[in-house]
Each structure stands twice: as C-alpha cells, then as structure tokens.
N, C-alpha and C. Protein backbone atom coordinates (compact mmCIF):
# COMPACT_ATOMS: atom_id res chain seq x y z
N MET A 1 85.41 109.78 79.36
CA MET A 1 84.91 108.54 78.79
C MET A 1 85.30 107.34 79.67
N PHE A 2 86.47 107.40 80.26
CA PHE A 2 86.96 106.27 81.03
C PHE A 2 87.13 106.61 82.51
N GLN A 3 86.24 107.46 83.03
CA GLN A 3 86.37 107.88 84.41
C GLN A 3 86.37 106.72 85.38
N ASP A 4 85.58 105.69 85.13
CA ASP A 4 85.44 104.60 86.08
C ASP A 4 86.32 103.40 85.75
N VAL A 5 87.23 103.55 84.80
CA VAL A 5 88.08 102.43 84.41
C VAL A 5 89.06 102.08 85.53
N LEU A 6 89.60 103.08 86.18
CA LEU A 6 90.61 102.86 87.22
C LEU A 6 89.91 102.80 88.57
N GLN A 7 89.93 101.64 89.18
CA GLN A 7 89.33 101.45 90.50
C GLN A 7 90.45 101.09 91.48
N TYR A 8 90.60 101.91 92.49
CA TYR A 8 91.57 101.59 93.54
C TYR A 8 91.14 102.28 94.82
N ALA A 9 91.59 101.77 95.93
CA ALA A 9 91.22 102.33 97.23
C ALA A 9 91.98 103.64 97.42
N LYS A 10 91.27 104.74 97.37
CA LYS A 10 91.91 106.05 97.51
C LYS A 10 92.58 106.21 98.88
N ASP A 11 92.07 105.49 99.87
CA ASP A 11 92.64 105.56 101.21
C ASP A 11 93.48 104.32 101.52
N GLY A 12 93.93 103.64 100.47
CA GLY A 12 94.74 102.44 100.67
C GLY A 12 96.07 102.75 101.34
N PRO A 13 96.78 101.71 101.76
CA PRO A 13 98.04 101.92 102.46
C PRO A 13 99.08 102.59 101.57
N LYS A 14 99.86 103.44 102.16
CA LYS A 14 100.94 104.13 101.44
C LYS A 14 102.19 103.27 101.50
N ARG A 15 102.96 103.32 100.45
CA ARG A 15 104.21 102.56 100.37
C ARG A 15 105.35 103.53 100.03
N PRO A 16 106.46 103.42 100.73
CA PRO A 16 107.60 104.27 100.38
C PRO A 16 108.22 103.79 99.06
N VAL A 17 108.62 104.75 98.24
CA VAL A 17 109.25 104.42 96.95
C VAL A 17 110.44 105.35 96.74
N ASN A 18 111.31 104.94 95.87
CA ASN A 18 112.43 105.79 95.46
C ASN A 18 112.15 106.29 94.05
N LEU A 19 112.23 107.60 93.88
CA LEU A 19 112.01 108.21 92.58
C LEU A 19 113.21 109.08 92.24
N SER A 20 113.50 109.18 90.96
CA SER A 20 114.52 110.13 90.51
C SER A 20 113.79 111.29 89.86
N LEU A 21 113.92 112.46 90.47
CA LEU A 21 113.24 113.65 89.97
C LEU A 21 114.24 114.76 89.73
N ASN A 22 113.87 115.67 88.87
CA ASN A 22 114.70 116.84 88.62
C ASN A 22 114.85 117.61 89.93
N GLY A 23 116.10 117.81 90.36
CA GLY A 23 116.38 118.44 91.63
C GLY A 23 115.83 119.86 91.74
N ASP A 24 115.95 120.64 90.68
CA ASP A 24 115.45 122.02 90.72
C ASP A 24 113.93 122.04 90.88
N LEU A 25 113.27 121.14 90.17
CA LEU A 25 111.81 121.06 90.25
C LEU A 25 111.37 120.61 91.64
N LEU A 26 112.07 119.64 92.17
CA LEU A 26 111.77 119.16 93.52
C LEU A 26 111.94 120.27 94.56
N LYS A 27 113.02 121.00 94.44
CA LYS A 27 113.29 122.11 95.37
C LYS A 27 112.19 123.17 95.27
N ALA A 28 111.82 123.52 94.06
CA ALA A 28 110.78 124.54 93.86
C ALA A 28 109.45 124.07 94.45
N GLY A 29 109.11 122.82 94.24
CA GLY A 29 107.87 122.29 94.80
C GLY A 29 107.86 122.31 96.31
N LYS A 30 108.97 121.93 96.91
CA LYS A 30 109.08 121.94 98.38
C LYS A 30 108.99 123.37 98.91
N GLU A 31 109.69 124.30 98.25
CA GLU A 31 109.66 125.70 98.69
C GLU A 31 108.25 126.28 98.61
N LEU A 32 107.46 125.81 97.66
CA LEU A 32 106.09 126.30 97.51
C LEU A 32 105.12 125.58 98.43
N GLY A 33 105.62 124.61 99.17
CA GLY A 33 104.77 123.88 100.11
C GLY A 33 103.81 122.91 99.44
N LEU A 34 104.17 122.45 98.26
CA LEU A 34 103.30 121.53 97.53
C LEU A 34 103.35 120.13 98.15
N ASN A 35 102.25 119.44 98.10
CA ASN A 35 102.18 118.05 98.55
C ASN A 35 102.70 117.18 97.40
N LEU A 36 104.00 116.96 97.38
CA LEU A 36 104.63 116.27 96.26
C LEU A 36 104.15 114.82 96.13
N SER A 37 103.94 114.16 97.24
CA SER A 37 103.44 112.78 97.19
C SER A 37 102.05 112.74 96.58
N GLY A 38 101.20 113.66 96.99
CA GLY A 38 99.84 113.72 96.45
C GLY A 38 99.83 114.04 94.97
N ILE A 39 100.69 114.96 94.57
CA ILE A 39 100.78 115.33 93.16
C ILE A 39 101.28 114.15 92.34
N ALA A 40 102.30 113.46 92.85
CA ALA A 40 102.83 112.30 92.14
C ALA A 40 101.77 111.21 92.03
N GLU A 41 101.04 110.96 93.12
CA GLU A 41 100.00 109.94 93.11
C GLU A 41 98.90 110.28 92.10
N ALA A 42 98.49 111.54 92.07
CA ALA A 42 97.45 111.97 91.12
C ALA A 42 97.94 111.82 89.67
N ALA A 43 99.19 112.17 89.43
CA ALA A 43 99.74 112.05 88.09
C ALA A 43 99.85 110.59 87.66
N ILE A 44 100.23 109.71 88.58
CA ILE A 44 100.32 108.28 88.26
C ILE A 44 98.93 107.73 88.00
N ALA A 45 97.95 108.12 88.82
CA ALA A 45 96.57 107.66 88.61
C ALA A 45 96.06 108.10 87.23
N LYS A 46 96.35 109.35 86.85
CA LYS A 46 95.94 109.86 85.54
C LYS A 46 96.61 109.07 84.42
N ALA A 47 97.90 108.81 84.55
CA ALA A 47 98.63 108.07 83.52
C ALA A 47 98.11 106.64 83.40
N VAL A 48 97.81 106.00 84.53
CA VAL A 48 97.27 104.64 84.51
C VAL A 48 95.90 104.63 83.85
N LYS A 49 95.05 105.60 84.20
CA LYS A 49 93.71 105.69 83.62
C LYS A 49 93.79 105.86 82.09
N GLU A 50 94.70 106.73 81.65
CA GLU A 50 94.86 106.94 80.21
C GLU A 50 95.37 105.69 79.51
N ALA A 51 96.32 105.00 80.14
CA ALA A 51 96.86 103.77 79.55
C ALA A 51 95.78 102.68 79.48
N LEU A 52 94.96 102.57 80.53
CA LEU A 52 93.86 101.61 80.51
C LEU A 52 92.84 101.96 79.42
N GLY A 53 92.59 103.24 79.24
CA GLY A 53 91.68 103.67 78.18
C GLY A 53 92.20 103.31 76.80
N ARG A 54 93.49 103.55 76.58
CA ARG A 54 94.10 103.18 75.29
C ARG A 54 94.03 101.67 75.08
N ARG A 55 94.31 100.92 76.14
CA ARG A 55 94.27 99.45 76.05
C ARG A 55 92.85 98.98 75.71
N TRP A 56 91.83 99.60 76.35
CA TRP A 56 90.44 99.24 76.08
C TRP A 56 90.08 99.54 74.62
N LEU A 57 90.49 100.71 74.15
CA LEU A 57 90.21 101.06 72.75
C LEU A 57 90.87 100.08 71.79
N GLU A 58 92.11 99.71 72.07
CA GLU A 58 92.81 98.75 71.22
C GLU A 58 92.11 97.39 71.25
N ALA A 59 91.71 96.95 72.43
CA ALA A 59 91.06 95.64 72.56
C ALA A 59 89.69 95.61 71.89
N ASN A 60 89.04 96.75 71.81
CA ASN A 60 87.69 96.81 71.26
C ASN A 60 87.62 97.47 69.90
N ALA A 61 88.76 97.70 69.27
CA ALA A 61 88.81 98.41 67.99
C ALA A 61 87.98 97.70 66.92
N ALA A 62 88.07 96.40 66.84
CA ALA A 62 87.32 95.66 65.81
C ALA A 62 85.82 95.80 66.02
N ALA A 63 85.37 95.69 67.26
CA ALA A 63 83.94 95.82 67.55
C ALA A 63 83.46 97.24 67.27
N ILE A 64 84.25 98.23 67.62
CA ILE A 64 83.89 99.62 67.36
C ILE A 64 83.79 99.87 65.86
N GLN A 65 84.75 99.35 65.12
CA GLN A 65 84.74 99.52 63.67
C GLN A 65 83.52 98.82 63.06
N ALA A 66 83.21 97.61 63.51
CA ALA A 66 82.05 96.88 62.99
C ALA A 66 80.76 97.63 63.31
N TYR A 67 80.63 98.17 64.51
CA TYR A 67 79.44 98.93 64.88
C TYR A 67 79.32 100.19 64.01
N ASN A 68 80.41 100.91 63.87
CA ASN A 68 80.38 102.13 63.05
C ASN A 68 80.00 101.82 61.61
N GLN A 69 80.50 100.72 61.08
CA GLN A 69 80.15 100.34 59.70
C GLN A 69 78.66 99.98 59.62
N ARG A 70 78.16 99.25 60.61
CA ARG A 70 76.74 98.89 60.63
C ARG A 70 75.86 100.13 60.68
N VAL A 71 76.23 101.10 61.49
CA VAL A 71 75.46 102.35 61.59
C VAL A 71 75.54 103.12 60.28
N GLU A 72 76.71 103.14 59.68
CA GLU A 72 76.87 103.85 58.41
C GLU A 72 76.01 103.23 57.31
N GLU A 73 75.94 101.92 57.30
CA GLU A 73 75.19 101.22 56.25
C GLU A 73 73.69 101.17 56.53
N GLY A 74 73.31 101.01 57.79
CA GLY A 74 71.90 100.82 58.08
C GLY A 74 71.28 101.83 59.02
N GLY A 75 72.06 102.78 59.49
CA GLY A 75 71.54 103.76 60.43
C GLY A 75 71.40 103.17 61.82
N VAL A 76 70.73 103.92 62.68
CA VAL A 76 70.49 103.46 64.04
C VAL A 76 69.00 103.18 64.22
N PHE A 77 68.65 102.44 65.27
CA PHE A 77 67.28 101.99 65.45
C PHE A 77 66.28 103.13 65.52
N SER A 78 66.70 104.30 65.96
CA SER A 78 65.76 105.40 66.17
C SER A 78 65.66 106.35 64.97
N ASP A 79 66.29 106.00 63.85
CA ASP A 79 66.26 106.91 62.71
C ASP A 79 64.84 107.29 62.30
N GLY A 80 63.91 106.35 62.33
CA GLY A 80 62.54 106.64 61.92
C GLY A 80 61.69 107.25 63.02
N LEU A 81 62.24 107.31 64.22
CA LEU A 81 61.47 107.80 65.37
C LEU A 81 61.83 109.22 65.77
N ARG A 82 63.00 109.67 65.40
CA ARG A 82 63.47 110.99 65.82
C ARG A 82 62.64 112.09 65.19
N THR A 83 62.38 113.13 65.95
CA THR A 83 61.65 114.29 65.43
C THR A 83 62.53 115.53 65.34
N PHE A 84 63.82 115.35 65.54
CA PHE A 84 64.74 116.48 65.45
C PHE A 84 65.69 116.30 64.30
C-alpha cells in the first residue's frame, strides 16, 4: 500500500556509522559472507517505510473514517452501474 512513500537515492553516498549489535549474530553473519551493511540498510528502509505508513494512516484517520461512513450510508457511485 505504501510502496512509494519512501523516496531516497538508492545509490546515494554511504556514511560510516557506529552500531551496537549482538556479537554472536554479527559473527555468524560475517562467517556466512552476508552483506551486513546491505542487510542493515534494507531493514532500516523497511522500518522507515512502515513508520511513514503508520504516520500517514494516523494523519488521515479522520478522512478515512468519514469516507467509510459516507460509503456505508450512501454506497459508492457505481452501485447502480455494476453488473457483478
């Protein structure tokens, strides 16, 4: 539903950061040859996208509720046109 909410340059500049991670998990990931930076970046992008989606739903909750009530009370414009 919110695939296009998060817009950022996928090839943007990389920045070094300090993270605190579980040492055993980090060791296992390295031993398996996993791209830990890529995995972390993908997980952060997913978390940001989900947070933006929640924020959008919260900001638009009143409008969504009003629309749903209007549809419940009066139907949708195509109610008389549908053949299914």
